[in-house]
Amino acid sequence: MATLTQGAITVQEFSDRNALVVFTANKFGTELNFGEKTSRPYIGIAMEAQTAPSAIDDPKFGDITLSPDQPRHEQIRYHFSY
């Protein structure tokens, strides 16, 4: 789904979900404290594998129907290297 790299650090995200939502911390200021460090713009990113919101109306995303008698399993894996 995604690969993020900064210097020698790489994070890869793999999933059988059909969408990836990305949140960034672009508008952070210095008002948050993280232990001994404070926040700043562009300090973080979050990636969430999920079902595409438009999948209900778009068949290219596959069948997203949830049935009570059929359990469904989705997998998300991360690989970190540094």
Protein backbone atom coordinates (compact mmCIF):
# COMPACT_ATOMS: atom_id res chain seq x y z
CA MET A 1 0.00 0.00 0.00
CA ALA A 2 2.67 2.51 0.97
CA THR A 3 6.36 2.97 1.63
CA LEU A 4 7.72 5.87 3.68
CA THR A 5 11.42 6.61 3.85
CA GLN A 6 13.41 9.16 5.79
CA GLY A 7 17.15 8.75 5.70
CA ALA A 8 17.96 5.12 6.56
CA ILE A 9 14.52 4.47 8.09
CA THR A 10 11.83 2.81 5.95
CA VAL A 11 8.28 1.81 6.90
CA GLN A 12 6.23 -0.32 4.52
CA GLU A 13 2.51 -0.97 4.95
CA PHE A 14 0.84 -3.98 3.33
CA SER A 15 -2.88 -4.74 3.42
CA ASP A 16 -5.67 -6.52 1.60
CA ARG A 17 -7.91 -3.51 2.23
CA ASN A 18 -8.75 -1.36 -0.80
CA ALA A 19 -7.91 2.15 0.44
CA LEU A 20 -5.32 4.05 2.39
CA VAL A 21 -6.16 7.19 4.34
CA VAL A 22 -3.23 9.43 5.22
CA PHE A 23 -3.27 12.03 7.99
CA THR A 24 -0.42 14.50 8.40
CA ALA A 25 0.53 16.90 11.15
CA ASN A 26 1.09 19.85 8.82
CA LYS A 27 -0.72 22.38 10.98
CA PHE A 28 0.74 21.41 14.34
CA GLY A 29 2.26 24.23 16.33
CA THR A 30 4.48 24.00 19.40
CA GLU A 31 1.58 23.69 21.89
CA LEU A 32 1.80 19.88 22.35
CA ASN A 33 4.38 18.15 24.52
CA PHE A 34 5.80 14.71 23.77
CA GLY A 35 7.83 13.95 26.85
CA GLU A 36 10.82 16.24 26.62
CA LYS A 37 10.04 17.36 23.06
CA THR A 38 7.42 19.72 21.68
CA SER A 39 5.38 19.44 18.52
CA ARG A 40 6.06 21.32 15.33
CA PRO A 41 4.58 21.43 11.83
CA TYR A 42 5.06 18.23 9.79
CA ILE A 43 6.15 16.22 12.86
CA GLY A 44 4.09 13.13 12.09
CA ILE A 45 2.05 11.04 9.72
CA ALA A 46 -0.60 8.34 10.22
CA MET A 47 -1.62 5.77 7.61
CA GLU A 48 -4.86 3.83 8.00
CA ALA A 49 -5.75 0.95 5.69
CA GLN A 50 -9.53 0.77 5.36
CA THR A 51 -12.39 0.12 2.97
CA ALA A 52 -12.82 2.91 0.44
CA PRO A 53 -15.83 5.07 1.32
CA SER A 54 -17.06 4.90 -2.28
CA ALA A 55 -16.74 1.09 -2.43
CA ILE A 56 -20.46 0.67 -1.77
CA ASP A 57 -21.20 2.31 -5.16
CA ASP A 58 -18.16 1.26 -7.17
CA PRO A 59 -17.80 -2.43 -8.12
CA LYS A 60 -14.09 -2.09 -8.95
CA PHE A 61 -13.42 -2.23 -5.19
CA GLY A 62 -14.92 -5.72 -4.91
CA ASP A 63 -17.66 -7.03 -2.66
CA ILE A 64 -17.65 -5.25 0.70
CA THR A 65 -20.87 -6.85 2.01
CA LEU A 66 -20.68 -7.98 5.65
CA SER A 67 -22.87 -10.96 6.52
CA PRO A 68 -23.57 -11.97 10.14
CA ASP A 69 -22.98 -15.65 9.36
CA GLN A 70 -19.69 -15.14 7.49
CA PRO A 71 -16.76 -13.80 9.51
CA ARG A 72 -14.45 -11.53 7.57
CA HIS A 73 -10.76 -11.16 8.18
CA GLU A 74 -8.61 -8.30 6.88
CA GLN A 75 -4.88 -8.07 7.43
CA ILE A 76 -2.54 -5.11 7.80
CA ARG A 77 1.21 -5.66 8.10
CA TYR A 78 4.06 -3.23 8.68
CA HIS A 79 7.73 -3.75 7.93
CA PHE A 80 10.27 -1.44 9.56
CA SER A 81 13.90 -1.29 8.47
CA TYR A 82 16.69 0.96 9.71
